[in-house]
Amino acid sequence: MTEAAHRPPASAGLEAALRSLGVADPVPHERWDDNGWVADWGGDVHGHDVYVLLMGAHNHPRGARIMLDDFTFEDVRAEHVEELVRKAFSGDARVTRHRVLLSRRLVLGVRAGSTEYSASVSGDRADDLPAWARPLATS
């Protein structure tokens, strides 16, 4: 599969989400190699500096790994990428606190389609989150 032959559906979903959030230049930068593809975008979303990275394999075109700053979502269905990104950055998601053994985690949960996706980062306070995610923290 070549870059010109087929754009990853997840990358198109990222672009659509960023466009719906009012981003002026929502087109991610896409790179291909023998095993897969990477698409990334960085810029301003609602006054916050944001970085988004998508990764996928040629042999699994309907799924992707999504990184929203430090949050990493594994095996996201390509048709859910647009909704997941839009909800995370528009405030339609929640960050909850969890304790796992001796560590504390902040978990970002986002429902896309009928699936609840989650990703976590170390920490236990809203101040440990990227600025865009702080308003999502629940007590």
N, C-alpha and C. Protein backbone atom coordinates (compact mmCIF):
# COMPACT_ATOMS: atom_id res chain seq x y z
N MET A 1 0.84 -1.17 0.00
CA MET A 1 0.00 0.00 0.00
C MET A 1 0.88 1.23 0.00
N THR A 2 0.60 2.13 -0.89
CA THR A 2 1.38 3.36 -0.96
C THR A 2 0.57 4.53 -0.43
N GLU A 3 1.26 5.59 -0.10
CA GLU A 3 0.61 6.78 0.44
C GLU A 3 -0.44 7.32 -0.53
N ALA A 4 -0.11 7.36 -1.77
CA ALA A 4 -1.04 7.91 -2.76
C ALA A 4 -2.23 6.98 -2.98
N ALA A 5 -2.05 5.67 -2.80
CA ALA A 5 -3.10 4.72 -3.08
C ALA A 5 -4.22 4.74 -2.05
N HIS A 6 -3.89 5.01 -0.78
CA HIS A 6 -4.92 4.88 0.25
C HIS A 6 -4.54 5.66 1.49
N ARG A 7 -5.37 6.58 1.86
CA ARG A 7 -5.17 7.34 3.09
C ARG A 7 -5.79 6.55 4.24
N PRO A 8 -5.09 6.42 5.37
CA PRO A 8 -5.67 5.69 6.49
C PRO A 8 -6.98 6.35 6.95
N PRO A 9 -8.04 5.57 7.10
CA PRO A 9 -9.31 6.15 7.56
C PRO A 9 -9.17 6.88 8.90
N ALA A 10 -8.31 6.39 9.78
CA ALA A 10 -8.13 7.05 11.08
C ALA A 10 -7.55 8.45 10.91
N SER A 11 -6.65 8.63 9.97
CA SER A 11 -6.07 9.94 9.72
C SER A 11 -7.12 10.91 9.18
N ALA A 12 -7.97 10.42 8.30
CA ALA A 12 -9.07 11.24 7.79
C ALA A 12 -10.02 11.61 8.93
N GLY A 13 -10.23 10.68 9.86
CA GLY A 13 -11.07 10.96 11.03
C GLY A 13 -10.47 12.03 11.93
N LEU A 14 -9.15 11.98 12.11
CA LEU A 14 -8.47 13.02 12.90
C LEU A 14 -8.68 14.38 12.25
N GLU A 15 -8.48 14.46 10.95
CA GLU A 15 -8.65 15.72 10.24
C GLU A 15 -10.08 16.24 10.40
N ALA A 16 -11.07 15.37 10.27
CA ALA A 16 -12.47 15.77 10.40
C ALA A 16 -12.76 16.28 11.82
N ALA A 17 -12.20 15.61 12.83
CA ALA A 17 -12.41 16.04 14.22
C ALA A 17 -11.81 17.42 14.44
N LEU A 18 -10.59 17.63 13.98
CA LEU A 18 -9.93 18.92 14.16
C LEU A 18 -10.68 20.02 13.43
N ARG A 19 -11.17 19.71 12.25
CA ARG A 19 -11.95 20.69 11.48
C ARG A 19 -13.22 21.06 12.25
N SER A 20 -13.89 20.07 12.84
CA SER A 20 -15.13 20.34 13.59
C SER A 20 -14.87 21.15 14.85
N LEU A 21 -13.63 21.11 15.36
CA LEU A 21 -13.25 21.88 16.54
C LEU A 21 -12.79 23.29 16.17
N GLY A 22 -12.84 23.62 14.88
CA GLY A 22 -12.50 24.96 14.45
C GLY A 22 -11.03 25.20 14.19
N VAL A 23 -10.25 24.13 14.05
CA VAL A 23 -8.81 24.27 13.78
C VAL A 23 -8.61 24.77 12.35
N ALA A 24 -7.78 25.79 12.20
CA ALA A 24 -7.57 26.42 10.89
C ALA A 24 -6.87 25.50 9.89
N ASP A 25 -5.86 24.76 10.33
CA ASP A 25 -5.13 23.85 9.45
C ASP A 25 -5.15 22.46 10.06
N PRO A 26 -6.22 21.68 9.83
CA PRO A 26 -6.41 20.40 10.51
C PRO A 26 -5.75 19.19 9.85
N VAL A 27 -5.00 19.39 8.78
CA VAL A 27 -4.45 18.25 8.04
C VAL A 27 -3.23 17.69 8.76
N PRO A 28 -3.31 16.42 9.19
CA PRO A 28 -2.15 15.81 9.85
C PRO A 28 -1.03 15.50 8.85
N HIS A 29 0.17 15.44 9.35
CA HIS A 29 1.33 15.05 8.54
C HIS A 29 1.39 13.53 8.57
N GLU A 30 1.35 12.88 7.40
CA GLU A 30 1.34 11.41 7.30
C GLU A 30 2.67 10.90 6.77
N ARG A 31 3.14 9.83 7.38
CA ARG A 31 4.37 9.15 6.94
C ARG A 31 4.08 7.65 6.86
N TRP A 32 4.71 7.01 5.90
CA TRP A 32 4.52 5.58 5.66
C TRP A 32 5.86 4.87 5.70
N ASP A 33 5.84 3.60 6.12
CA ASP A 33 7.00 2.74 5.96
C ASP A 33 6.50 1.35 5.55
N ASP A 34 7.37 0.37 5.56
CA ASP A 34 6.98 -0.97 5.10
C ASP A 34 5.91 -1.62 5.97
N ASN A 35 5.87 -1.28 7.25
CA ASN A 35 4.96 -1.95 8.18
C ASN A 35 3.69 -1.17 8.49
N GLY A 36 3.72 0.14 8.33
CA GLY A 36 2.54 0.89 8.73
C GLY A 36 2.65 2.37 8.41
N TRP A 37 1.90 3.15 9.13
CA TRP A 37 1.81 4.58 8.89
C TRP A 37 1.76 5.31 10.23
N VAL A 38 2.10 6.57 10.18
CA VAL A 38 2.03 7.47 11.32
C VAL A 38 1.45 8.78 10.80
N ALA A 39 0.54 9.34 11.56
CA ALA A 39 -0.01 10.66 11.25
C ALA A 39 0.04 11.47 12.53
N ASP A 40 0.57 12.69 12.44
CA ASP A 40 0.60 13.52 13.64
C ASP A 40 0.18 14.94 13.32
N TRP A 41 -0.25 15.62 14.37
CA TRP A 41 -0.69 17.00 14.26
C TRP A 41 -0.42 17.69 15.58
N GLY A 42 0.03 18.92 15.51
CA GLY A 42 0.23 19.72 16.70
C GLY A 42 -0.24 21.13 16.46
N GLY A 43 -0.84 21.72 17.46
CA GLY A 43 -1.31 23.09 17.32
C GLY A 43 -2.28 23.47 18.39
N ASP A 44 -3.02 24.52 18.13
CA ASP A 44 -3.94 25.10 19.10
C ASP A 44 -5.35 24.54 18.92
N VAL A 45 -5.91 24.06 20.04
CA VAL A 45 -7.31 23.64 20.08
C VAL A 45 -7.93 24.36 21.26
N HIS A 46 -8.84 25.27 20.98
CA HIS A 46 -9.54 26.04 22.02
C HIS A 46 -8.56 26.68 23.02
N GLY A 47 -7.47 27.24 22.51
CA GLY A 47 -6.52 27.95 23.36
C GLY A 47 -5.51 27.08 24.07
N HIS A 48 -5.46 25.80 23.75
CA HIS A 48 -4.51 24.88 24.37
C HIS A 48 -3.57 24.30 23.32
N ASP A 49 -2.30 24.22 23.66
CA ASP A 49 -1.32 23.59 22.79
C ASP A 49 -1.50 22.09 22.90
N VAL A 50 -1.76 21.43 21.78
CA VAL A 50 -2.11 20.02 21.75
C VAL A 50 -1.23 19.29 20.75
N TYR A 51 -0.90 18.03 21.06
CA TYR A 51 -0.20 17.17 20.12
C TYR A 51 -0.98 15.86 20.00
N VAL A 52 -1.25 15.44 18.76
CA VAL A 52 -1.97 14.19 18.51
C VAL A 52 -1.11 13.33 17.58
N LEU A 53 -0.98 12.06 17.93
CA LEU A 53 -0.23 11.10 17.11
C LEU A 53 -1.12 9.88 16.89
N LEU A 54 -1.22 9.47 15.64
CA LEU A 54 -1.92 8.23 15.28
C LEU A 54 -0.91 7.28 14.67
N MET A 55 -1.05 6.00 14.97
CA MET A 55 -0.19 4.98 14.38
C MET A 55 -1.04 3.79 13.99
N GLY A 56 -0.71 3.18 12.87
CA GLY A 56 -1.44 2.00 12.43
C GLY A 56 -0.56 1.09 11.59
N ALA A 57 -1.01 -0.13 11.47
CA ALA A 57 -0.29 -1.14 10.69
C ALA A 57 -1.01 -1.37 9.37
N HIS A 58 -0.24 -1.68 8.34
CA HIS A 58 -0.84 -1.98 7.04
C HIS A 58 -1.79 -3.17 7.13
N ASN A 59 -1.45 -4.14 7.96
CA ASN A 59 -2.28 -5.35 8.04
C ASN A 59 -3.46 -5.19 9.01
N HIS A 60 -3.65 -4.00 9.58
CA HIS A 60 -4.78 -3.73 10.47
C HIS A 60 -5.30 -2.32 10.19
N PRO A 61 -5.82 -2.08 8.97
CA PRO A 61 -6.18 -0.73 8.55
C PRO A 61 -7.39 -0.14 9.27
N ARG A 62 -8.20 -0.94 9.91
CA ARG A 62 -9.41 -0.43 10.55
C ARG A 62 -9.20 -0.07 12.02
N GLY A 63 -7.95 -0.06 12.49
CA GLY A 63 -7.68 0.30 13.87
C GLY A 63 -6.44 1.15 13.97
N ALA A 64 -6.31 1.85 15.11
CA ALA A 64 -5.15 2.72 15.30
C ALA A 64 -4.86 2.91 16.78
N ARG A 65 -3.65 3.32 17.05
CA ARG A 65 -3.25 3.78 18.38
C ARG A 65 -3.31 5.31 18.30
N ILE A 66 -3.91 5.91 19.31
CA ILE A 66 -4.04 7.37 19.35
C ILE A 66 -3.36 7.88 20.62
N MET A 67 -2.52 8.88 20.42
CA MET A 67 -1.92 9.56 21.56
C MET A 67 -2.43 11.00 21.55
N LEU A 68 -3.09 11.38 22.63
CA LEU A 68 -3.52 12.76 22.84
C LEU A 68 -2.61 13.29 23.94
N ASP A 69 -1.59 14.02 23.56
CA ASP A 69 -0.51 14.40 24.48
C ASP A 69 0.00 13.14 25.15
N ASP A 70 -0.13 12.98 26.47
CA ASP A 70 0.42 11.81 27.17
C ASP A 70 -0.55 10.64 27.28
N PHE A 71 -1.79 10.81 26.89
CA PHE A 71 -2.78 9.73 26.95
C PHE A 71 -2.67 8.86 25.70
N THR A 72 -2.54 7.54 25.89
CA THR A 72 -2.43 6.63 24.75
C THR A 72 -3.61 5.66 24.75
N PHE A 73 -4.40 5.72 23.69
CA PHE A 73 -5.53 4.82 23.49
C PHE A 73 -5.10 3.73 22.52
N GLU A 74 -5.26 2.50 22.91
CA GLU A 74 -4.87 1.36 22.08
C GLU A 74 -6.06 0.82 21.30
N ASP A 75 -5.81 0.38 20.09
CA ASP A 75 -6.77 -0.33 19.26
C ASP A 75 -8.13 0.38 19.15
N VAL A 76 -8.07 1.62 18.71
CA VAL A 76 -9.28 2.40 18.48
C VAL A 76 -9.77 2.11 17.06
N ARG A 77 -11.03 1.80 16.94
CA ARG A 77 -11.60 1.55 15.62
C ARG A 77 -11.51 2.83 14.80
N ALA A 78 -11.12 2.72 13.55
CA ALA A 78 -10.93 3.89 12.69
C ALA A 78 -12.18 4.76 12.62
N GLU A 79 -13.35 4.13 12.60
CA GLU A 79 -14.58 4.91 12.52
C GLU A 79 -14.91 5.65 13.81
N HIS A 80 -14.16 5.38 14.89
CA HIS A 80 -14.38 6.08 16.16
C HIS A 80 -13.37 7.20 16.41
N VAL A 81 -12.35 7.31 15.58
CA VAL A 81 -11.30 8.31 15.80
C VAL A 81 -11.87 9.72 15.83
N GLU A 82 -12.67 10.06 14.85
CA GLU A 82 -13.21 11.42 14.79
C GLU A 82 -13.99 11.76 16.07
N GLU A 83 -14.88 10.87 16.48
CA GLU A 83 -15.71 11.13 17.66
C GLU A 83 -14.87 11.18 18.93
N LEU A 84 -13.91 10.28 19.08
CA LEU A 84 -13.06 10.25 20.27
C LEU A 84 -12.27 11.55 20.41
N VAL A 85 -11.63 11.98 19.35
CA VAL A 85 -10.83 13.21 19.40
C VAL A 85 -11.72 14.42 19.65
N ARG A 86 -12.82 14.50 18.95
CA ARG A 86 -13.73 15.64 19.12
C ARG A 86 -14.25 15.71 20.55
N LYS A 87 -14.68 14.59 21.11
CA LYS A 87 -15.21 14.58 22.47
C LYS A 87 -14.14 14.91 23.51
N ALA A 88 -12.95 14.39 23.33
CA ALA A 88 -11.88 14.66 24.29
C ALA A 88 -11.58 16.16 24.35
N PHE A 89 -11.51 16.81 23.21
CA PHE A 89 -11.13 18.22 23.18
C PHE A 89 -12.30 19.18 23.31
N SER A 90 -13.53 18.68 23.27
CA SER A 90 -14.68 19.56 23.43
C SER A 90 -15.29 19.47 24.83
N GLY A 91 -14.72 18.61 25.68
CA GLY A 91 -15.20 18.51 27.05
C GLY A 91 -16.22 17.41 27.28
N ASP A 92 -16.50 16.60 26.29
CA ASP A 92 -17.47 15.52 26.42
C ASP A 92 -16.77 14.21 26.77
N ALA A 93 -15.90 14.28 27.77
CA ALA A 93 -15.14 13.13 28.27
C ALA A 93 -14.89 13.38 29.74
N ARG A 94 -14.38 12.39 30.46
CA ARG A 94 -14.13 12.55 31.89
C ARG A 94 -12.78 11.96 32.27
N VAL A 95 -12.14 12.63 33.23
CA VAL A 95 -10.91 12.10 33.83
C VAL A 95 -11.25 11.73 35.26
N THR A 96 -10.99 10.48 35.61
CA THR A 96 -11.22 10.01 36.98
C THR A 96 -9.90 9.56 37.60
N ARG A 97 -9.87 9.54 38.90
CA ARG A 97 -8.68 9.13 39.64
C ARG A 97 -8.80 7.65 40.01
N HIS A 98 -7.71 6.92 39.84
CA HIS A 98 -7.66 5.50 40.19
C HIS A 98 -6.36 5.22 40.92
N ARG A 99 -6.44 4.29 41.84
CA ARG A 99 -5.24 3.84 42.54
C ARG A 99 -5.00 2.39 42.14
N VAL A 100 -3.80 2.11 41.66
CA VAL A 100 -3.42 0.76 41.25
C VAL A 100 -2.19 0.39 42.06
N LEU A 101 -2.36 -0.54 42.98
CA LEU A 101 -1.30 -0.91 43.92
C LEU A 101 -0.76 0.36 44.58
N LEU A 102 0.47 0.71 44.34
CA LEU A 102 1.06 1.88 44.99
C LEU A 102 1.06 3.13 44.12
N SER A 103 0.57 3.00 42.89
CA SER A 103 0.59 4.17 42.00
C SER A 103 -0.80 4.78 41.87
N ARG A 104 -0.80 6.03 41.51
CA ARG A 104 -2.04 6.75 41.27
C ARG A 104 -2.10 7.12 39.80
N ARG A 105 -3.26 6.92 39.21
CA ARG A 105 -3.43 7.16 37.78
C ARG A 105 -4.63 8.07 37.56
N LEU A 106 -4.53 8.87 36.53
CA LEU A 106 -5.64 9.68 36.06
C LEU A 106 -6.08 9.06 34.74
N VAL A 107 -7.34 8.67 34.66
CA VAL A 107 -7.85 7.92 33.52
C VAL A 107 -8.82 8.78 32.73
N LEU A 108 -8.51 8.97 31.46
CA LEU A 108 -9.38 9.70 30.54
C LEU A 108 -10.30 8.69 29.87
N GLY A 109 -11.59 8.85 30.08
CA GLY A 109 -12.58 7.97 29.46
C GLY A 109 -13.40 8.72 28.43
N VAL A 110 -13.54 8.12 27.25
CA VAL A 110 -14.30 8.74 26.16
C VAL A 110 -15.16 7.66 25.51
N ARG A 111 -16.45 7.93 25.36
CA ARG A 111 -17.33 7.00 24.64
C ARG A 111 -17.39 7.43 23.19
N ALA A 112 -17.11 6.48 22.31
CA ALA A 112 -17.22 6.70 20.86
C ALA A 112 -17.98 5.52 20.29
N GLY A 113 -19.06 5.81 19.59
CA GLY A 113 -19.93 4.72 19.16
C GLY A 113 -20.47 4.03 20.40
N SER A 114 -20.44 2.73 20.40
CA SER A 114 -20.90 1.97 21.58
C SER A 114 -19.72 1.52 22.45
N THR A 115 -18.54 2.05 22.18
CA THR A 115 -17.33 1.62 22.90
C THR A 115 -16.84 2.70 23.85
N GLU A 116 -16.46 2.29 25.05
CA GLU A 116 -15.85 3.20 26.01
C GLU A 116 -14.34 2.98 25.93
N TYR A 117 -13.63 4.01 25.52
CA TYR A 117 -12.18 3.95 25.42
C TYR A 117 -11.58 4.64 26.65
N SER A 118 -10.42 4.16 27.10
CA SER A 118 -9.76 4.82 28.22
C SER A 118 -8.25 4.76 28.04
N ALA A 119 -7.62 5.77 28.62
CA ALA A 119 -6.15 5.88 28.61
C ALA A 119 -5.78 6.58 29.91
N SER A 120 -4.59 6.27 30.44
CA SER A 120 -4.22 6.86 31.72
C SER A 120 -2.83 7.45 31.72
N VAL A 121 -2.62 8.33 32.69
CA VAL A 121 -1.31 8.93 32.95
C VAL A 121 -1.07 8.88 34.45
N SER A 122 0.18 8.96 34.86
CA SER A 122 0.51 9.01 36.28
C SER A 122 0.04 10.32 36.87
N GLY A 123 -0.38 10.25 38.13
CA GLY A 123 -0.77 11.45 38.84
C GLY A 123 -2.04 11.25 39.63
N ASP A 124 -2.37 12.24 40.45
CA ASP A 124 -3.60 12.16 41.21
C ASP A 124 -4.30 13.50 41.36
N ARG A 125 -3.78 14.53 40.69
CA ARG A 125 -4.39 15.86 40.77
C ARG A 125 -4.60 16.41 39.36
N ALA A 126 -5.56 17.28 39.23
CA ALA A 126 -5.82 17.91 37.93
C ALA A 126 -4.58 18.63 37.41
N ASP A 127 -3.75 19.15 38.31
CA ASP A 127 -2.52 19.84 37.89
C ASP A 127 -1.53 18.92 37.18
N ASP A 128 -1.70 17.60 37.34
CA ASP A 128 -0.82 16.63 36.68
C ASP A 128 -1.22 16.38 35.23
N LEU A 129 -2.32 16.98 34.81
CA LEU A 129 -2.86 16.77 33.46
C LEU A 129 -2.42 17.86 32.49
N PRO A 130 -2.47 17.57 31.18
CA PRO A 130 -2.31 18.65 30.20
C PRO A 130 -3.42 19.68 30.43
N ALA A 131 -3.18 20.92 30.11
CA ALA A 131 -4.13 22.00 30.39
C ALA A 131 -5.52 21.72 29.82
N TRP A 132 -5.62 21.16 28.61
CA TRP A 132 -6.92 20.91 28.00
C TRP A 132 -7.73 19.86 28.76
N ALA A 133 -7.06 18.96 29.49
CA ALA A 133 -7.74 17.87 30.19
C ALA A 133 -8.14 18.23 31.62
N ARG A 134 -7.61 19.30 32.17
CA ARG A 134 -7.90 19.66 33.57
C ARG A 134 -9.38 19.87 33.83
N PRO A 135 -10.12 20.55 32.95
CA PRO A 135 -11.56 20.72 33.21
C PRO A 135 -12.35 19.41 33.19
N LEU A 136 -11.75 18.34 32.66
CA LEU A 136 -12.44 17.05 32.57
C LEU A 136 -12.36 16.25 33.86
N ALA A 137 -11.48 16.66 34.78
CA ALA A 137 -11.23 15.91 36.01
C ALA A 137 -12.44 15.99 36.94
N THR A 138 -12.87 14.82 37.41
CA THR A 138 -13.95 14.74 38.37
C THR A 138 -13.36 14.51 39.76
N SER A 139 -14.11 14.85 40.76
CA SER A 139 -13.58 14.67 42.13
C SER A 139 -13.80 13.28 42.65
